[in-house]
N, C-alpha and C. Protein backbone atom coordinates (compact mmCIF):
# COMPACT_ATOMS: atom_id res chain seq x y z
N UNK A 1 -8.90 0.13 -21.70
CA UNK A 1 -10.21 0.75 -21.72
C UNK A 1 -10.37 1.11 -23.22
N UNK A 2 -11.62 1.00 -23.78
CA UNK A 2 -11.70 1.35 -25.15
C UNK A 2 -11.69 2.69 -25.37
N UNK A 3 -11.33 3.30 -26.38
CA UNK A 3 -11.20 4.75 -26.69
C UNK A 3 -12.54 5.35 -26.62
N UNK A 4 -13.57 4.64 -27.10
CA UNK A 4 -14.86 5.26 -27.14
C UNK A 4 -15.29 5.54 -25.66
N UNK A 5 -15.16 4.49 -24.72
CA UNK A 5 -15.63 4.67 -23.27
C UNK A 5 -14.72 5.86 -22.58
N UNK A 6 -13.40 5.71 -22.93
CA UNK A 6 -12.51 6.94 -22.40
C UNK A 6 -13.10 8.28 -22.79
N UNK A 7 -13.23 8.40 -24.13
CA UNK A 7 -13.65 9.75 -24.52
C UNK A 7 -14.88 10.17 -23.99
N UNK A 8 -15.93 9.20 -23.88
CA UNK A 8 -17.27 9.60 -23.38
C UNK A 8 -17.19 9.92 -22.02
N UNK A 9 -16.34 9.20 -21.09
CA UNK A 9 -16.25 9.58 -19.76
C UNK A 9 -15.48 10.99 -19.62
N UNK A 10 -14.56 11.39 -20.43
CA UNK A 10 -13.91 12.62 -20.28
C UNK A 10 -14.95 13.69 -20.59
N UNK A 11 -15.72 13.46 -21.67
CA UNK A 11 -16.60 14.35 -22.10
C UNK A 11 -17.74 14.59 -20.86
N UNK A 12 -18.06 13.52 -20.34
CA UNK A 12 -19.10 13.56 -19.24
C UNK A 12 -18.67 14.47 -18.14
N UNK A 13 -17.30 14.23 -17.83
CA UNK A 13 -16.90 15.12 -16.50
C UNK A 13 -16.22 16.50 -16.82
N UNK A 14 -16.19 16.77 -18.08
CA UNK A 14 -15.58 18.06 -18.45
C UNK A 14 -16.62 18.99 -18.73
N UNK A 15 -16.66 20.11 -17.67
CA UNK A 15 -17.66 21.14 -17.86
C UNK A 15 -17.67 21.83 -16.62
N UNK A 16 -18.37 23.00 -16.70
CA UNK A 16 -18.46 23.90 -15.51
C UNK A 16 -19.31 23.18 -14.48
N UNK A 17 -20.41 22.86 -14.82
CA UNK A 17 -21.29 22.14 -14.00
C UNK A 17 -20.65 20.89 -13.27
N UNK A 18 -20.75 20.83 -11.99
CA UNK A 18 -20.12 19.66 -11.20
C UNK A 18 -21.04 18.42 -11.54
N UNK A 19 -20.04 17.26 -11.75
CA UNK A 19 -20.66 16.14 -11.91
C UNK A 19 -20.37 15.10 -10.86
N UNK A 20 -21.34 14.71 -10.19
CA UNK A 20 -21.29 13.73 -9.14
C UNK A 20 -21.37 12.40 -9.71
N UNK A 21 -20.36 11.47 -9.61
CA UNK A 21 -20.30 10.10 -10.08
C UNK A 21 -20.50 9.14 -9.01
N UNK A 22 -21.63 8.41 -8.92
CA UNK A 22 -21.97 7.39 -7.90
C UNK A 22 -21.54 5.95 -8.66
N UNK A 23 -20.40 5.36 -7.98
CA UNK A 23 -19.97 4.11 -8.42
C UNK A 23 -20.67 3.02 -7.50
N UNK A 24 -21.65 2.26 -8.05
CA UNK A 24 -22.49 1.37 -7.34
C UNK A 24 -22.46 0.00 -7.66
N UNK A 25 -23.04 -1.05 -7.11
CA UNK A 25 -23.21 -2.34 -7.45
C UNK A 25 -24.73 -2.66 -7.15
N UNK A 26 -25.30 -3.34 -8.09
CA UNK A 26 -26.69 -3.82 -7.80
C UNK A 26 -26.85 -4.71 -6.50
N UNK A 27 -25.83 -5.40 -6.26
CA UNK A 27 -25.97 -6.27 -4.95
C UNK A 27 -25.52 -5.75 -3.60
N UNK A 28 -25.20 -4.29 -3.83
CA UNK A 28 -24.60 -3.60 -2.60
C UNK A 28 -25.86 -2.92 -1.76
N UNK A 29 -26.01 -3.44 -0.40
CA UNK A 29 -26.96 -2.84 0.24
C UNK A 29 -26.76 -1.45 0.43
N UNK A 30 -25.71 -0.99 1.04
CA UNK A 30 -25.33 0.50 1.28
C UNK A 30 -25.70 1.38 -0.06
N UNK A 31 -25.26 0.97 -1.27
CA UNK A 31 -25.70 1.64 -2.48
C UNK A 31 -27.22 1.90 -2.78
N UNK A 32 -28.08 0.80 -2.25
CA UNK A 32 -29.41 0.94 -2.20
C UNK A 32 -29.80 2.05 -1.24
N UNK A 33 -29.24 2.18 -0.16
CA UNK A 33 -29.52 3.15 0.86
C UNK A 33 -29.12 4.56 0.40
N UNK A 34 -28.18 4.62 -0.30
CA UNK A 34 -27.58 5.78 -0.90
C UNK A 34 -28.27 6.49 -2.06
N UNK A 35 -29.11 5.73 -2.71
CA UNK A 35 -29.89 6.22 -3.98
C UNK A 35 -30.77 7.27 -3.51
N UNK A 36 -31.74 7.12 -2.50
CA UNK A 36 -32.48 8.30 -2.02
C UNK A 36 -31.96 9.53 -1.71
N UNK A 37 -30.59 9.44 -1.02
CA UNK A 37 -29.90 10.57 -0.74
C UNK A 37 -29.46 11.35 -1.99
N UNK A 38 -29.06 10.69 -2.99
CA UNK A 38 -28.67 11.16 -4.03
C UNK A 38 -29.66 11.86 -4.82
N UNK A 39 -30.92 11.04 -4.86
CA UNK A 39 -31.96 11.64 -5.68
C UNK A 39 -32.52 12.93 -4.88
N UNK A 40 -32.55 13.05 -3.53
CA UNK A 40 -32.69 14.29 -3.02
C UNK A 40 -31.83 15.44 -3.24
N UNK A 41 -30.52 15.14 -3.20
CA UNK A 41 -29.46 16.04 -3.72
C UNK A 41 -29.87 16.53 -5.08
N UNK A 42 -29.92 15.69 -6.08
CA UNK A 42 -30.35 16.14 -7.30
C UNK A 42 -31.53 17.13 -7.40
N UNK A 43 -32.68 16.65 -6.63
CA UNK A 43 -33.76 17.44 -6.69
C UNK A 43 -33.58 18.78 -5.89
N UNK A 44 -32.70 18.83 -4.97
CA UNK A 44 -32.45 20.09 -4.36
C UNK A 44 -31.62 21.14 -5.19
N UNK A 45 -30.55 20.56 -5.96
CA UNK A 45 -29.74 21.29 -6.77
C UNK A 45 -30.10 21.47 -8.13
N UNK A 46 -30.98 20.51 -8.77
CA UNK A 46 -31.45 20.78 -10.10
C UNK A 46 -30.34 20.77 -11.05
N UNK A 47 -30.35 21.82 -11.97
CA UNK A 47 -29.44 21.93 -13.04
C UNK A 47 -28.02 22.27 -12.68
N UNK A 48 -27.90 22.64 -11.38
CA UNK A 48 -26.50 23.06 -10.88
C UNK A 48 -25.67 21.72 -10.60
N UNK A 49 -26.06 20.64 -10.78
CA UNK A 49 -25.48 19.24 -10.65
C UNK A 49 -25.76 18.22 -11.74
N UNK A 50 -24.84 17.65 -12.06
CA UNK A 50 -25.22 16.32 -13.04
C UNK A 50 -24.79 15.17 -12.16
N UNK A 51 -25.66 14.22 -12.10
CA UNK A 51 -25.59 13.12 -11.39
C UNK A 51 -25.48 11.81 -12.23
N UNK A 52 -24.42 11.26 -12.19
CA UNK A 52 -24.24 9.89 -12.91
C UNK A 52 -24.00 8.80 -12.09
N UNK A 53 -24.59 7.58 -12.50
CA UNK A 53 -24.53 6.33 -11.71
C UNK A 53 -23.72 5.46 -12.77
N UNK A 54 -22.68 4.84 -12.20
CA UNK A 54 -21.85 3.79 -12.93
C UNK A 54 -22.01 2.61 -12.27
N UNK A 55 -22.48 1.52 -12.66
CA UNK A 55 -22.36 0.16 -12.28
C UNK A 55 -20.95 -0.44 -12.29
N UNK A 56 -20.40 -0.70 -11.31
CA UNK A 56 -19.03 -1.12 -11.17
C UNK A 56 -18.70 -2.65 -12.00
N UNK A 57 -19.89 -3.44 -11.93
CA UNK A 57 -19.74 -4.73 -12.53
C UNK A 57 -19.81 -4.61 -14.00
N UNK A 58 -20.30 -3.31 -14.58
CA UNK A 58 -20.37 -3.32 -15.92
C UNK A 58 -19.36 -2.38 -16.50
N UNK A 59 -18.58 -1.67 -15.66
CA UNK A 59 -17.60 -0.64 -16.22
C UNK A 59 -16.33 -0.92 -15.48
N UNK A 60 -15.81 -2.14 -15.42
CA UNK A 60 -14.63 -2.57 -14.70
C UNK A 60 -13.52 -1.67 -15.05
N UNK A 61 -13.32 -1.35 -16.33
CA UNK A 61 -12.04 -0.61 -16.87
C UNK A 61 -11.97 0.88 -16.16
N UNK A 62 -13.07 1.51 -16.29
CA UNK A 62 -13.00 2.94 -15.72
C UNK A 62 -12.94 2.81 -14.13
N UNK A 63 -13.36 1.76 -13.44
CA UNK A 63 -13.24 1.69 -11.99
C UNK A 63 -11.83 1.39 -11.64
N UNK A 64 -11.16 0.46 -12.43
CA UNK A 64 -9.81 0.34 -12.41
C UNK A 64 -8.94 1.49 -12.51
N UNK A 65 -9.23 2.24 -13.67
CA UNK A 65 -8.56 3.60 -13.86
C UNK A 65 -8.61 4.39 -12.82
N UNK A 66 -9.75 4.52 -12.10
CA UNK A 66 -9.99 5.53 -10.99
C UNK A 66 -9.64 4.94 -9.57
N UNK A 67 -9.52 3.74 -9.62
CA UNK A 67 -9.04 2.93 -8.22
C UNK A 67 -10.19 2.86 -7.49
N UNK A 68 -11.38 2.57 -8.07
CA UNK A 68 -12.48 2.35 -7.22
C UNK A 68 -12.71 1.01 -6.79
N UNK A 69 -12.65 0.71 -5.43
CA UNK A 69 -12.61 -0.72 -5.17
C UNK A 69 -13.71 -0.94 -4.06
N UNK A 70 -14.29 0.09 -3.53
CA UNK A 70 -15.42 -0.12 -2.38
C UNK A 70 -16.67 0.57 -2.94
N UNK A 71 -17.79 0.13 -2.59
CA UNK A 71 -18.95 0.58 -2.94
C UNK A 71 -19.85 1.02 -1.89
N UNK A 72 -20.68 2.26 -1.87
CA UNK A 72 -20.49 3.14 -3.01
C UNK A 72 -19.31 3.90 -2.89
N UNK A 73 -18.81 4.36 -4.08
CA UNK A 73 -17.82 5.40 -4.09
C UNK A 73 -18.33 6.65 -4.79
N UNK A 74 -18.15 7.89 -4.20
CA UNK A 74 -18.57 9.04 -4.89
C UNK A 74 -17.48 10.02 -5.17
N UNK A 75 -17.39 10.31 -6.48
CA UNK A 75 -16.43 11.26 -6.92
C UNK A 75 -17.07 12.33 -7.63
N UNK A 76 -16.62 13.68 -7.21
CA UNK A 76 -17.20 14.73 -7.89
C UNK A 76 -16.03 15.40 -8.85
N UNK A 77 -16.42 15.65 -10.01
CA UNK A 77 -15.66 16.17 -10.97
C UNK A 77 -16.13 17.56 -11.45
N UNK A 78 -15.26 18.55 -11.75
CA UNK A 78 -15.72 19.83 -12.30
C UNK A 78 -14.56 20.15 -13.43
N UNK A 79 -14.77 20.56 -14.55
CA UNK A 79 -13.97 20.74 -15.59
C UNK A 79 -12.82 19.67 -15.75
N UNK A 80 -13.33 18.62 -15.68
CA UNK A 80 -12.37 17.23 -15.87
C UNK A 80 -11.50 17.01 -14.66
N UNK A 81 -11.65 17.74 -13.70
CA UNK A 81 -10.71 17.55 -12.50
C UNK A 81 -11.44 16.83 -11.38
N UNK A 82 -10.79 15.97 -10.62
CA UNK A 82 -11.48 15.36 -9.46
C UNK A 82 -11.34 16.44 -8.16
N UNK A 83 -12.59 16.64 -7.71
CA UNK A 83 -12.53 17.70 -6.65
C UNK A 83 -12.97 17.16 -5.37
N UNK A 84 -13.62 16.01 -5.43
CA UNK A 84 -13.88 15.30 -4.13
C UNK A 84 -14.09 13.78 -4.33
N UNK A 85 -13.59 13.06 -3.35
CA UNK A 85 -13.75 11.64 -3.46
C UNK A 85 -14.02 11.06 -1.97
N UNK A 86 -14.85 10.13 -1.97
CA UNK A 86 -15.20 9.39 -0.67
C UNK A 86 -15.80 8.25 -0.89
N UNK A 87 -15.45 7.16 -0.02
CA UNK A 87 -15.90 5.71 -0.20
C UNK A 87 -17.07 5.73 0.96
N UNK A 88 -18.23 5.01 0.75
CA UNK A 88 -19.28 4.68 1.64
C UNK A 88 -20.32 5.82 1.46
N UNK A 89 -21.45 5.62 2.25
CA UNK A 89 -22.50 6.50 2.15
C UNK A 89 -22.18 7.80 2.79
N UNK A 90 -22.49 8.91 1.89
CA UNK A 90 -22.07 10.25 2.49
C UNK A 90 -23.41 10.89 2.83
N UNK A 91 -23.55 11.48 3.95
CA UNK A 91 -24.52 12.50 4.32
C UNK A 91 -24.90 13.54 3.25
N UNK A 92 -25.96 13.89 3.13
CA UNK A 92 -26.27 14.93 2.08
C UNK A 92 -25.73 16.30 2.48
N UNK A 93 -25.56 16.59 3.82
CA UNK A 93 -25.05 17.77 4.20
C UNK A 93 -23.49 17.93 3.75
N UNK A 94 -22.73 16.74 3.71
CA UNK A 94 -21.39 16.62 3.39
C UNK A 94 -21.37 16.91 1.83
N UNK A 95 -22.22 16.38 1.06
CA UNK A 95 -22.15 16.56 -0.37
C UNK A 95 -22.48 17.95 -0.71
N UNK A 96 -23.57 18.61 -0.15
CA UNK A 96 -23.95 19.96 -0.22
C UNK A 96 -22.70 20.86 0.09
N UNK A 97 -22.06 20.56 0.93
CA UNK A 97 -20.91 21.53 1.52
C UNK A 97 -19.85 21.36 0.44
N UNK A 98 -19.46 20.18 -0.09
CA UNK A 98 -18.56 20.04 -1.19
C UNK A 98 -18.93 20.60 -2.41
N UNK A 99 -20.12 20.50 -2.77
CA UNK A 99 -20.78 21.17 -3.98
C UNK A 99 -20.76 22.68 -3.78
N UNK A 100 -21.06 23.22 -2.80
CA UNK A 100 -21.13 24.53 -2.71
C UNK A 100 -19.72 25.24 -2.83
N UNK A 101 -18.68 24.57 -2.62
CA UNK A 101 -17.35 25.28 -2.97
C UNK A 101 -17.19 25.34 -4.38
N UNK A 102 -17.81 24.51 -5.02
CA UNK A 102 -17.61 24.47 -6.64
C UNK A 102 -18.57 25.40 -7.18
N UNK A 103 -19.64 25.78 -6.67
CA UNK A 103 -20.70 26.61 -7.40
C UNK A 103 -20.64 28.18 -6.79
N UNK A 104 -19.83 28.42 -5.89
CA UNK A 104 -19.73 29.63 -5.31
C UNK A 104 -19.15 30.77 -6.11
């Protein structure tokens, strides 16, 4: 992985505000179904959540480093630490429950 990408990803996930990273592929049907769920989650939580989408085909190095092999994969970071990880489409209720643990 290039140093620039590594340091930008670290900066991205390092902070008090939870960062939900959606690893997706443009050709992935479930990923397309997941987008409206994530959009609603962001709308509901506003500034209490940073939402980042990473195209796995364009970011192979970070995917390998994090062991992302299925799409969609959701990873939530806070203060640079992995707090939640799941493969597949997650219900908004599960995501909100996980995020509420971090903002309480």
